[in-house]
C-alpha atoms as a PDB file:
ATOM      1  CA  MET A   1      12.370   2.194 -39.944  1.00  0.00           C
ATOM      2  CA  LYS A   2      13.444   0.244 -36.798  1.00  0.00           C
ATOM      3  CA  THR A   3      10.936  -1.538 -34.845  1.00  0.00           C
ATOM      4  CA  ILE A   4      10.838  -0.685 -31.243  1.00  0.00           C
ATOM      5  CA  GLN A   5       8.622  -2.847 -28.563  1.00  0.00           C
ATOM      6  CA  THR A   6       7.806  -1.884 -24.923  1.00  0.00           C
ATOM      7  CA  SER A   7       8.367  -5.435 -23.830  1.00  0.00           C
ATOM      8  CA  ARG A   8      10.017  -8.590 -25.715  1.00  0.00           C
ATOM      9  CA  PRO A   9       9.318 -12.060 -26.070  1.00  0.00           C
ATOM     10  CA  ALA A  10      11.195 -14.910 -24.343  1.00  0.00           C
ATOM     11  CA  ALA A  11      14.711 -15.565 -26.105  1.00  0.00           C
ATOM     12  CA  LEU A  12      14.738 -18.470 -28.694  1.00  0.00           C
ATOM     13  CA  SER A  13      16.077 -21.718 -27.420  1.00  0.00           C
ATOM     14  CA  LEU A  14      19.525 -22.571 -27.781  1.00  0.00           C
ATOM     15  CA  LEU A  15      18.326 -25.434 -29.984  1.00  0.00           C
ATOM     16  CA  ALA A  16      16.163 -23.215 -32.155  1.00  0.00           C
ATOM     17  CA  LEU A  17      18.831 -20.792 -32.486  1.00  0.00           C
ATOM     18  CA  SER A  18      21.211 -23.961 -33.606  1.00  0.00           C
ATOM     19  CA  ALA A  19      18.613 -24.836 -36.022  1.00  0.00           C
ATOM     20  CA  LEU A  20      18.554 -21.335 -37.386  1.00  0.00           C
ATOM     21  CA  THR A  21      22.273 -21.157 -37.944  1.00  0.00           C
ATOM     22  CA  LEU A  22      22.319 -24.339 -39.323  1.00  0.00           C
ATOM     23  CA  LEU A  23      19.303 -23.306 -42.132  1.00  0.00           C
ATOM     24  CA  SER A  24      21.305 -20.020 -42.489  1.00  0.00           C
ATOM     25  CA  ALA A  25      24.871 -22.242 -43.112  1.00  0.00           C
ATOM     26  CA  CYS A  26      23.346 -24.287 -45.670  1.00  0.00           C
ATOM     27  CA  GLY A  27      21.796 -21.477 -47.649  1.00  0.00           C
ATOM     28  CA  GLY A  28      18.313 -22.072 -46.041  1.00  0.00           C
ATOM     29  CA  SER A  29      14.954 -22.357 -48.056  1.00  0.00           C
ATOM     30  CA  SER A  30      13.974 -19.692 -50.599  1.00  0.00           C
ATOM     31  CA  GLY A  31      11.138 -19.008 -49.024  1.00  0.00           C
ATOM     32  CA  SER A  32      12.131 -18.498 -45.492  1.00  0.00           C
ATOM     33  CA  THR A  33      11.063 -15.421 -43.197  1.00  0.00           C
ATOM     34  CA  ALA A  34      12.063 -14.021 -39.944  1.00  0.00           C
ATOM     35  CA  PRO A  35      10.281 -16.030 -36.739  1.00  0.00           C
ATOM     36  CA  VAL A  36       7.260 -14.696 -36.128  1.00  0.00           C
ATOM     37  CA  VAL A  37       7.078 -12.495 -32.934  1.00  0.00           C
ATOM     38  CA  THR A  38       4.144 -12.918 -30.472  1.00  0.00           C
ATOM     39  CA  TYR A  39       2.695 -10.784 -27.988  1.00  0.00           C
ATOM     40  CA  PRO A  40       0.341 -11.199 -25.033  1.00  0.00           C
ATOM     41  CA  ALA A  41      -3.206  -9.442 -25.422  1.00  0.00           C
ATOM     42  CA  VAL A  42      -2.108  -6.542 -22.693  1.00  0.00           C
ATOM     43  CA  MET A  43       1.631  -5.424 -22.022  1.00  0.00           C
ATOM     44  CA  PRO A  44       2.828  -3.351 -19.011  1.00  0.00           C
ATOM     45  CA  VAL A  45       4.685   0.123 -20.278  1.00  0.00           C
ATOM     46  CA  SER A  46       6.735   2.514 -17.843  1.00  0.00           C
ATOM     47  CA  ILE A  47       7.689   5.860 -19.508  1.00  0.00           C
ATOM     48  CA  ASN A  48      10.622   7.559 -17.912  1.00  0.00           C
ATOM     49  CA  PHE A  49      11.442  11.049 -17.618  1.00  0.00           C
ATOM     50  CA  GLU A  50      14.525  13.353 -16.530  1.00  0.00           C
ATOM     51  CA  LEU A  51      15.484  17.112 -16.595  1.00  0.00           C
ATOM     52  CA  LEU A  52      18.650  17.883 -18.998  1.00  0.00           C
ATOM     53  CA  ALA A  53      20.782  20.701 -18.966  1.00  0.00           C
ATOM     54  CA  ASN A  54      24.260  21.299 -20.691  1.00  0.00           C
ATOM     55  CA  GLY A  55      23.903  17.680 -21.847  1.00  0.00           C
ATOM     56  CA  GLN A  56      23.674  16.213 -18.143  1.00  0.00           C
ATOM     57  CA  PRO A  57      20.865  15.101 -15.804  1.00  0.00           C
ATOM     58  CA  VAL A  58      19.914  17.659 -13.349  1.00  0.00           C
ATOM     59  CA  LYS A  59      17.501  17.982 -10.269  1.00  0.00           C
ATOM     60  CA  CYS A  60      15.732  20.596  -8.272  1.00  0.00           C
ATOM     61  CA  GLY A  61      18.177  22.513  -6.186  1.00  0.00           C
ATOM     62  CA  SER A  62      20.820  22.302  -9.181  1.00  0.00           C
ATOM     63  CA  SER A  63      22.837  25.185  -9.903  1.00  0.00           C
ATOM     64  CA  ILE A  64      22.766  25.309 -13.622  1.00  0.00           C
ATOM     65  CA  THR A  65      25.199  27.285 -15.686  1.00  0.00           C
ATOM     66  CA  GLY A  66      24.645  28.825 -19.344  1.00  0.00           C
ATOM     67  CA  LEU A  67      20.984  29.094 -19.377  1.00  0.00           C
ATOM     68  CA  GLY A  68      19.157  31.393 -21.889  1.00  0.00           C
ATOM     69  CA  SER A  69      20.232  34.043 -24.132  1.00  0.00           C
ATOM     70  CA  LYS A  70      22.541  35.654 -21.432  1.00  0.00           C
ATOM     71  CA  ALA A  71      24.097  32.297 -20.506  1.00  0.00           C
ATOM     72  CA  SER A  72      22.920  33.044 -16.723  1.00  0.00           C
ATOM     73  CA  THR A  73      23.374  30.827 -13.744  1.00  0.00           C
ATOM     74  CA  ALA A  74      20.337  29.913 -12.385  1.00  0.00           C
ATOM     75  CA  GLU A  75      19.216  27.616  -9.254  1.00  0.00           C
ATOM     76  CA  LEU A  76      16.597  25.184 -10.192  1.00  0.00           C
ATOM     77  CA  LYS A  77      13.548  26.105  -7.461  1.00  0.00           C
ATOM     78  CA  ASP A  78      10.688  23.992  -8.867  1.00  0.00           C
ATOM     79  CA  ALA A  79      10.116  21.562 -11.604  1.00  0.00           C
ATOM     80  CA  ARG A  80       6.762  19.548 -12.174  1.00  0.00           C
ATOM     81  CA  PHE A  81       4.319  19.140 -14.918  1.00  0.00           C
ATOM     82  CA  TYR A  82       1.130  17.317 -15.781  1.00  0.00           C
ATOM     83  CA  ILE A  83       0.964  14.663 -19.039  1.00  0.00           C
ATOM     84  CA  SER A  84      -2.339  13.675 -20.544  1.00  0.00           C
ATOM     85  CA  ASN A  85      -3.413  11.988 -23.429  1.00  0.00           C
ATOM     86  CA  VAL A  86      -0.690   9.440 -23.577  1.00  0.00           C
ATOM     87  CA  LYS A  87      -0.419   7.213 -26.722  1.00  0.00           C
ATOM     88  CA  LEU A  88       2.109   5.089 -28.263  1.00  0.00           C
ATOM     89  CA  ILE A  89       3.066   4.872 -32.042  1.00  0.00           C
ATOM     90  CA  ASP A  90       2.730   1.313 -33.332  1.00  0.00           C
ATOM     91  CA  ALA A  91       4.204  -0.174 -36.817  1.00  0.00           C
ATOM     92  CA  ASN A  92       1.575   1.436 -38.691  1.00  0.00           C
ATOM     93  CA  ASP A  93       1.987   4.935 -37.466  1.00  0.00           C
ATOM     94  CA  GLN A  94      -1.477   4.436 -35.532  1.00  0.00           C
ATOM     95  CA  LEU A  95      -1.758   6.175 -32.023  1.00  0.00           C
ATOM     96  CA  VAL A  96      -2.854   3.505 -29.550  1.00  0.00           C
ATOM     97  CA  PRO A  97      -3.869   4.786 -26.082  1.00  0.00           C
ATOM     98  CA  VAL A  98      -2.030   3.937 -23.065  1.00  0.00           C
ATOM     99  CA  SER A  99      -4.537   2.945 -20.036  1.00  0.00           C
ATOM    100  CA  LEU A 100      -2.606   4.519 -17.116  1.00  0.00           C
ATOM    101  CA  THR A 101      -2.671   2.626 -13.788  1.00  0.00           C
ATOM    102  CA  ALA A 102      -3.966   4.708 -10.873  1.00  0.00           C
ATOM    103  CA  ASN A 103      -1.482   5.454  -7.823  1.00  0.00           C
ATOM    104  CA  ASP A 104      -0.557   8.860  -5.933  1.00  0.00           C
ATOM    105  CA  TRP A 105       0.872  10.471  -9.282  1.00  0.00           C
ATOM    106  CA  GLN A 106      -1.639   9.299 -11.543  1.00  0.00           C
ATOM    107  CA  ASN A 107      -5.409   8.803 -12.282  1.00  0.00           C
ATOM    108  CA  ASP A 108      -6.790   7.286 -15.829  1.00  0.00           C
ATOM    109  CA  GLN A 109      -6.484  10.484 -17.533  1.00  0.00           C
ATOM    110  CA  VAL A 110      -3.541  12.228 -16.241  1.00  0.00           C
ATOM    111  CA  SER A 111      -0.017  12.053 -14.652  1.00  0.00           C
ATOM    112  CA  LEU A 112       2.101  14.361 -12.622  1.00  0.00           C
ATOM    113  CA  ILE A 113       5.703  14.176 -13.495  1.00  0.00           C
ATOM    114  CA  SER A 114       7.471  16.207 -10.237  1.00  0.00           C
ATOM    115  CA  PHE A 115      11.199  16.602  -9.778  1.00  0.00           C
ATOM    116  CA  ASN A 116      10.894  18.097  -6.300  1.00  0.00           C
ATOM    117  CA  ASP A 117      13.076  15.666  -4.276  1.00  0.00           C
ATOM    118  CA  GLY A 118      13.343  17.793  -0.899  1.00  0.00           C
ATOM    119  CA  SER A 119      16.741  18.524  -1.526  1.00  0.00           C
ATOM    120  CA  THR A 120      16.279  22.087  -0.525  1.00  0.00           C
ATOM    121  CA  THR A 121      13.448  24.246   1.218  1.00  0.00           C
ATOM    122  CA  ALA A 122      12.228  25.501  -2.286  1.00  0.00           C
ATOM    123  CA  CYS A 123      12.212  21.815  -3.793  1.00  0.00           C
ATOM    124  CA  GLY A 124       9.844  20.321  -1.336  1.00  0.00           C
ATOM    125  CA  GLY A 125      11.399  20.800   2.027  1.00  0.00           C
ATOM    126  CA  THR A 126      11.828  17.633   3.757  1.00  0.00           C
ATOM    127  CA  LEU A 127       9.170  15.833   1.800  1.00  0.00           C
ATOM    128  CA  LEU A 128      10.351  13.275  -1.016  1.00  0.00           C
ATOM    129  CA  LEU A 129       8.173  14.353  -3.748  1.00  0.00           C
ATOM    130  CA  THR A 130       9.543  12.755  -6.652  1.00  0.00           C
ATOM    131  CA  ASN A 131       7.912  11.201  -9.621  1.00  0.00           C
ATOM    132  CA  ASN A 132       9.700  10.617 -12.931  1.00  0.00           C
ATOM    133  CA  VAL A 133       7.718   7.770 -14.397  1.00  0.00           C
ATOM    134  CA  ILE A 134       4.262   7.251 -16.044  1.00  0.00           C
ATOM    135  CA  SER A 135       3.217   3.504 -15.872  1.00  0.00           C
ATOM    136  CA  GLY A 136       0.210   1.807 -17.657  1.00  0.00           C
ATOM    137  CA  THR A 137      -0.518  -0.732 -20.151  1.00  0.00           C
ATOM    138  CA  VAL A 138      -1.064  -0.857 -23.891  1.00  0.00           C
ATOM    139  CA  PRO A 139      -2.448  -3.790 -26.432  1.00  0.00           C
ATOM    140  CA  GLY A 140       0.183  -6.195 -27.025  1.00  0.00           C
ATOM    141  CA  ALA A 141       2.293  -5.114 -30.062  1.00  0.00           C
ATOM    142  CA  ALA A 142       5.375  -3.406 -31.492  1.00  0.00           C
ATOM    143  CA  TYR A 143       5.705   0.344 -30.774  1.00  0.00           C
ATOM    144  CA  LYS A 144       8.099   2.702 -32.260  1.00  0.00           C
ATOM    145  CA  GLY A 145       7.181   6.295 -30.892  1.00  0.00           C
ATOM    146  CA  ILE A 146       5.007   8.287 -28.443  1.00  0.00           C
ATOM    147  CA  SER A 147       2.618  11.228 -28.278  1.00  0.00           C
ATOM    148  CA  TYR A 148       1.329  12.789 -25.381  1.00  0.00           C
ATOM    149  CA  GLU A 149       0.240  16.356 -24.066  1.00  0.00           C
ATOM    150  CA  ILE A 150       1.731  18.678 -21.424  1.00  0.00           C
ATOM    151  CA  GLY A 151      -1.609  19.821 -19.954  1.00  0.00           C
ATOM    152  CA  VAL A 152      -4.774  18.603 -18.170  1.00  0.00           C
ATOM    153  CA  PRO A 153      -8.006  17.582 -19.750  1.00  0.00           C
ATOM    154  CA  GLU A 154     -10.588  20.483 -19.911  1.00  0.00           C
ATOM    155  CA  THR A 155     -12.849  18.127 -17.853  1.00  0.00           C
ATOM    156  CA  LEU A 156     -10.451  17.989 -14.681  1.00  0.00           C
ATOM    157  CA  ASN A 157      -8.743  21.598 -15.372  1.00  0.00           C
ATOM    158  CA  HIS A 158     -11.513  23.473 -13.303  1.00  0.00           C
ATOM    159  CA  THR A 159     -12.052  21.328 -10.607  1.00  0.00           C
ATOM    160  CA  ASP A 160     -11.509  22.410  -6.838  1.00  0.00           C
ATOM    161  CA  TYR A 161      -8.025  21.032  -5.770  1.00  0.00           C
ATOM    162  CA  ALA A 162      -9.053  21.199  -2.238  1.00  0.00           C
ATOM    163  CA  THR A 163     -11.473  18.209  -3.075  1.00  0.00           C
ATOM    164  CA  ALA A 164     -10.068  16.678  -5.826  1.00  0.00           C
ATOM    165  CA  THR A 165      -8.127  13.483  -5.802  1.00  0.00           C
ATOM    166  CA  LYS A 166      -4.647  12.517  -6.415  1.00  0.00           C
ATOM    167  CA  PRO A 167      -2.792  13.881  -8.498  1.00  0.00           C
ATOM    168  CA  MET A 168      -5.106  16.939  -8.954  1.00  0.00           C
ATOM    169  CA  ASN A 169      -4.980  18.152  -5.394  1.00  0.00           C
ATOM    170  CA  VAL A 170      -1.839  19.590  -5.279  1.00  0.00           C
ATOM    171  CA  ALA A 171      -2.283  23.259  -4.136  1.00  0.00           C
ATOM    172  CA  ALA A 172       0.985  24.501  -5.752  1.00  0.00           C
ATOM    173  CA  MET A 173      -0.116  23.522  -9.432  1.00  0.00           C
ATOM    174  CA  ALA A 174      -3.572  25.184  -9.145  1.00  0.00           C
ATOM    175  CA  TRP A 175      -4.078  28.786 -10.891  1.00  0.00           C
ATOM    176  CA  SER A 176      -5.358  31.577  -8.288  1.00  0.00           C
ATOM    177  CA  TRP A 177      -8.380  32.041 -10.954  1.00  0.00           C
ATOM    178  CA  THR A 178     -10.963  29.883 -12.099  1.00  0.00           C
ATOM    179  CA  SER A 179      -9.663  26.893 -10.336  1.00  0.00           C
ATOM    180  CA  GLY A 180      -7.606  26.017 -13.318  1.00  0.00           C
ATOM    181  CA  ARG A 181      -4.186  23.950 -13.160  1.00  0.00           C
ATOM    182  CA  LYS A 182      -0.686  24.962 -14.066  1.00  0.00           C
ATOM    183  CA  PHE A 183      -0.086  22.391 -16.966  1.00  0.00           C
ATOM    184  CA  LEU A 184       3.703  23.121 -16.365  1.00  0.00           C
ATOM    185  CA  LYS A 185       5.701  24.885 -13.483  1.00  0.00           C
ATOM    186  CA  LEU A 186       9.549  25.647 -13.605  1.00  0.00           C
ATOM    187  CA  GLU A 187      10.862  28.267 -11.743  1.00  0.00           C
ATOM    188  CA  LEU A 188      14.607  29.533 -11.359  1.00  0.00           C
ATOM    189  CA  ASN A 189      16.575  31.570  -9.343  1.00  0.00           C
ATOM    190  CA  PRO A 190      19.176  33.335 -11.345  1.00  0.00           C
ATOM    191  CA  VAL A 191      22.507  34.394  -9.733  1.00  0.00           C
ATOM    192  CA  GLY A 192      22.141  38.265  -9.162  1.00  0.00           C
ATOM    193  CA  GLY A 193      18.094  38.053  -9.653  1.00  0.00           C
ATOM    194  CA  VAL A 194      16.113  39.323 -12.229  1.00  0.00           C
ATOM    195  CA  ASN A 195      16.081  42.956 -12.987  1.00  0.00           C
ATOM    196  CA  VAL A 196      12.782  44.035 -13.420  1.00  0.00           C
ATOM    197  CA  THR A 197      11.917  47.357 -15.316  1.00  0.00           C
ATOM    198  CA  ARG A 198       8.473  48.959 -15.959  1.00  0.00           C
ATOM    199  CA  VAL A 199       7.593  51.956 -17.962  1.00  0.00           C
ATOM    200  CA  ASN A 200       4.328  53.794 -17.086  1.00  0.00           C
ATOM    201  CA  ASN A 201       3.053  55.644 -19.982  1.00  0.00           C
ATOM    202  CA  THR A 202       0.044  57.340 -18.331  1.00  0.00           C
ATOM    203  CA  THR A 203       2.420  59.762 -17.114  1.00  0.00           C
ATOM    204  CA  VAL A 204       3.836  62.830 -18.834  1.00  0.00           C
ATOM    205  CA  PRO A 205       6.701  62.292 -19.096  1.00  0.00           C
ATOM    206  CA  PRO A 206       6.502  58.618 -18.694  1.00  0.00           C
ATOM    207  CA  THR A 207       8.180  57.272 -15.650  1.00  0.00           C
ATOM    208  CA  THR A 208      10.264  54.155 -15.211  1.00  0.00           C
ATOM    209  CA  THR A 209      10.674  51.884 -12.126  1.00  0.00           C
ATOM    210  CA  ASN A 210      12.890  49.278 -11.272  1.00  0.00           C
ATOM    211  CA  SER A 211      13.243  46.481  -9.024  1.00  0.00           C
ATOM    212  CA  VAL A 212      14.771  43.140  -8.304  1.00  0.00           C
ATOM    213  CA  SER A 213      13.038  39.712  -8.155  1.00  0.00           C
ATOM    214  CA  SER A 214      14.554  36.579  -6.817  1.00  0.00           C
ATOM    215  CA  THR A 215      12.658  34.165  -9.239  1.00  0.00           C
ATOM    216  CA  TRP A 216      12.027  33.906 -13.056  1.00  0.00           C
ATOM    217  CA  ASN A 217       8.774  32.031 -13.158  1.00  0.00           C
ATOM    218  CA  LEU A 218       7.328  29.736 -16.008  1.00  0.00           C
ATOM    219  CA  HIS A 219       3.817  28.657 -15.509  1.00  0.00           C
ATOM    220  CA  LEU A 220       2.093  27.077 -18.464  1.00  0.00           C
ATOM    221  CA  GLY A 221      -1.661  26.990 -18.189  1.00  0.00           C
ATOM    222  CA  SER A 222      -4.744  27.899 -19.785  1.00  0.00           C
ATOM    223  CA  VAL A 223      -5.717  31.674 -19.910  1.00  0.00           C
ATOM    224  CA  GLY A 224      -8.739  33.813 -20.579  1.00  0.00           C
ATOM    225  CA  CYS A 225     -11.137  31.425 -18.939  1.00  0.00           C
ATOM    226  CA  THR A 226     -14.446  32.466 -17.628  1.00  0.00           C
ATOM    227  CA  THR A 227     -17.588  30.555 -16.142  1.00  0.00           C
ATOM    228  CA  ASN A 228     -21.186  30.505 -17.389  1.00  0.00           C
ATOM    229  CA  ALA A 229     -23.157  31.897 -14.160  1.00  0.00           C
ATOM    230  CA  SER A 230     -26.246  29.725 -14.879  1.00  0.00           C
ATOM    231  CA  SER A 231     -24.398  26.393 -16.042  1.00  0.00           C
ATOM    232  CA  GLY A 232     -21.160  26.591 -14.176  1.00  0.00           C
ATOM    233  CA  ALA A 233     -19.282  25.426 -17.324  1.00  0.00           C
ATOM    234  CA  TYR A 234     -15.824  26.717 -17.896  1.00  0.00           C
ATOM    235  CA  SER A 235     -14.270  28.016 -21.543  1.00  0.00           C
ATOM    236  CA  CYS A 236     -10.931  29.675 -21.823  1.00  0.00           C
ATOM    237  CA  THR A 237      -9.655  31.688 -24.703  1.00  0.00           C
ATOM    238  CA  ASN A 238      -6.232  30.124 -24.712  1.00  0.00           C
ATOM    239  CA  SER A 239      -5.878  26.678 -24.057  1.00  0.00           C
ATOM    240  CA  ASN A 240      -1.970  26.402 -24.270  1.00  0.00           C
ATOM    241  CA  ARG A 241      -1.599  22.694 -24.386  1.00  0.00           C
ATOM    242  CA  MET A 242       1.558  21.747 -25.743  1.00  0.00           C
ATOM    243  CA  VAL A 243       1.505  18.576 -27.939  1.00  0.00           C
ATOM    244  CA  VAL A 244       4.654  16.338 -28.283  1.00  0.00           C
ATOM    245  CA  LYS A 245       5.247  13.786 -30.676  1.00  0.00           C
ATOM    246  CA  LEU A 246       8.263  11.580 -30.570  1.00  0.00           C
ATOM    247  CA  ALA A 247       8.339   9.264 -33.774  1.00  0.00           C
ATOM    248  CA  ASN A 248      11.313   7.274 -32.526  1.00  0.00           C
ATOM    249  CA  PHE A 249      11.070   6.210 -28.880  1.00  0.00           C
ATOM    250  CA  ASP A 250      11.653   2.788 -27.220  1.00  0.00           C
ATOM    251  CA  ALA A 251      10.407   2.832 -23.591  1.00  0.00           C
ATOM    252  CA  ASP A 252      12.466  -0.386 -22.908  1.00  0.00           C
ATOM    253  CA  LYS A 253      15.743   1.191 -23.769  1.00  0.00           C
ATOM    254  CA  GLN A 254      15.062   5.217 -23.648  1.00  0.00           C
ATOM    255  CA  LYS A 255      13.890   8.063 -21.232  1.00  0.00           C
ATOM    256  CA  ILE A 256      12.267  11.082 -22.315  1.00  0.00           C
ATOM    257  CA  SER A 257      14.402  14.600 -21.465  1.00  0.00           C
ATOM    258  CA  LEU A 258      13.240  18.133 -20.677  1.00  0.00           C
ATOM    259  CA  ASP A 259      16.049  19.928 -22.383  1.00  0.00           C
ATOM    260  CA  LEU A 260      16.539  23.301 -20.260  1.00  0.00           C
ATOM    261  CA  ASN A 261      18.782  24.938 -22.517  1.00  0.00           C
ATOM    262  CA  ALA A 262      16.470  24.328 -25.477  1.00  0.00           C
ATOM    263  CA  LEU A 263      13.648  25.411 -23.450  1.00  0.00           C
ATOM    264  CA  TYR A 264      15.282  28.635 -22.296  1.00  0.00           C
ATOM    265  CA  ALA A 265      17.298  29.178 -25.437  1.00  0.00           C
ATOM    266  CA  ALA A 266      15.566  32.736 -26.660  1.00  0.00           C
ATOM    267  CA  SER A 267      14.900  33.971 -22.821  1.00  0.00           C
ATOM    268  CA  ASP A 268      16.972  36.493 -20.969  1.00  0.00           C
ATOM    269  CA  LEU A 269      16.491  35.043 -17.337  1.00  0.00           C
ATOM    270  CA  SER A 270      18.223  38.095 -15.879  1.00  0.00           C
ATOM    271  CA  SER A 271      15.839  40.697 -16.835  1.00  0.00           C
ATOM    272  CA  ASP A 272      11.907  41.245 -17.007  1.00  0.00           C
ATOM    273  CA  THR A 273      10.271  44.132 -19.009  1.00  0.00           C
ATOM    274  CA  SER A 274       6.193  42.973 -18.998  1.00  0.00           C
ATOM    275  CA  GLY A 275       3.646  41.105 -17.358  1.00  0.00           C
ATOM    276  CA  ALA A 276       4.349  38.788 -14.488  1.00  0.00           C
ATOM    277  CA  VAL A 277       8.236  38.109 -13.492  1.00  0.00           C
ATOM    278  CA  GLY A 278       8.994  35.467 -16.228  1.00  0.00           C
ATOM    279  CA  CYS A 279       6.070  34.190 -18.339  1.00  0.00           C
ATOM    280  CA  MET A 280       2.885  32.964 -16.836  1.00  0.00           C
ATOM    281  CA  SER A 281       1.099  32.258 -20.003  1.00  0.00           C
ATOM    282  CA  GLY A 282       0.102  35.969 -20.782  1.00  0.00           C
ATOM    283  CA  GLY A 283      -0.601  36.644 -24.336  1.00  0.00           C
ATOM    284  CA  THR A 284       1.006  40.037 -24.468  1.00  0.00           C
ATOM    285  CA  ASP A 285       3.832  39.244 -22.346  1.00  0.00           C
ATOM    286  CA  GLN A 286       7.071  39.539 -23.976  1.00  0.00           C
ATOM    287  CA  GLU A 287       8.953  36.952 -21.997  1.00  0.00           C
ATOM    288  CA  CYS A 288       6.225  34.431 -23.103  1.00  0.00           C
ATOM    289  CA  LYS A 289       7.096  34.840 -26.609  1.00  0.00           C
ATOM    290  CA  GLY A 290      10.377  32.524 -26.822  1.00  0.00           C
ATOM    291  CA  ILE A 291       9.105  30.084 -24.604  1.00  0.00           C
ATOM    292  CA  PHE A 292       5.931  29.614 -26.351  1.00  0.00           C
ATOM    293  CA  ASP A 293       8.043  29.313 -29.360  1.00  0.00           C
ATOM    294  CA  SER A 294       9.994  26.597 -28.133  1.00  0.00           C
ATOM    295  CA  PHE A 295       6.764  24.905 -27.028  1.00  0.00           C
ATOM    296  CA  LYS A 296       5.449  25.278 -30.574  1.00  0.00           C
ATOM    297  CA  ILE A 297       2.220  26.933 -29.231  1.00  0.00           C
ATOM    298  CA  ASP A 298       0.873  30.019 -30.643  1.00  0.00           C
ATOM    299  CA  LEU A 299       1.234  32.762 -28.123  1.00  0.00           C
ATOM    300  CA  SER A 300      -1.773  34.826 -29.376  1.00  0.00           C
ATOM    301  CA  THR A 301      -4.331  31.847 -29.852  1.00  0.00           C
ATOM    302  CA  GLY A 302      -3.155  29.342 -27.542  1.00  0.00           C
ATOM    303  CA  ASN A 303      -3.203  26.616 -30.330  1.00  0.00           C
ATOM    304  CA  PRO A 304      -0.487  24.328 -31.313  1.00  0.00           C
ATOM    305  CA  THR A 305       1.736  25.634 -34.190  1.00  0.00           C
ATOM    306  CA  THR A 306       2.563  23.701 -37.399  1.00  0.00           C
ATOM    307  CA  ALA A 307       6.105  25.939 -37.640  1.00  0.00           C
ATOM    308  CA  GLY A 308       9.065  23.066 -37.133  1.00  0.00           C
ATOM    309  CA  VAL A 309       9.154  20.551 -34.585  1.00  0.00           C
ATOM    310  CA  GLN A 310       9.728  20.833 -30.996  1.00  0.00           C
ATOM    311  CA  SER A 311      13.211  20.279 -29.392  1.00  0.00           C
ATOM    312  CA  VAL A 312      12.209  20.576 -25.883  1.00  0.00           C
ATOM    313  CA  PHE A 313      11.641  17.096 -25.112  1.00  0.00           C
ATOM    314  CA  VAL A 314      14.116  14.759 -26.612  1.00  0.00           C
ATOM    315  CA  VAL A 315      14.765  11.249 -26.486  1.00  0.00           C
ATOM    316  CA  ARG A 316      17.988   9.745 -24.683  1.00  0.00           C
ATOM    317  CA  ASN A 317      19.218   6.365 -23.523  1.00  0.00           C
ATOM    318  CA  LYS A 318      18.515   4.877 -20.218  1.00  0.00           C
END
């Protein structure tokens, strides 16, 4: 397997290269080996992200064609997600934690990736709110892949956003119940809107109502959360944290793309028949089935599945 590094030692001098060339030309020594690569004790690492649709980078505010099972055209209204538990995979397949560098977009446990660039009112208005990079350090070594979670650590998930420090203080990423967070927030405005159909089976005969919503929402987060009245501790029936592992990834040469076509492949963005409009992580919401299958999360339990490999996050060259 190709060895991938997060940083590279200085190039060999011309003299050293000439010596190696001469040795090779003369047949070399039967016991010769490749030059030994040395690494500093600690190396910086930067992990870049992008949004992808139809094979091309897109941004918030973009009009995107061919999305979902009905090949809908939709404007991207909001695109943000939290990432935690970031680890690089070394040459021995060991997971090595990345020590995150604290800044406006990350603390020592979690990073917020945001593609809201202020291009439209829905995408942050006049504020430039874009962050597409995770930065930190790792022990000096060769690395070939990466692992991370889409989600917020449980110790931080239920803190009050109004008093939390960055990046946990974003009101738009907070749930409206039990002070949890939206792990991932993607919102689309399909052309023609979302046709919402609801059947009331409590009447005889059942009655049907129809309406139109402008936005198909995707809010991934823990659900079934309650708090213990005496201890104040929270517990959730469905964690809904997505685990991503990319076995071949070079942070120097490559970036990680969230492929919207793969994510919405089984979703009809022009209609909604149950639960909240779109998918808000409800265990019985029919619109969540295809989304959670893409995330490789069991909709009924909220746990990662072992069925197949996720294709929502993919590696592309910078």
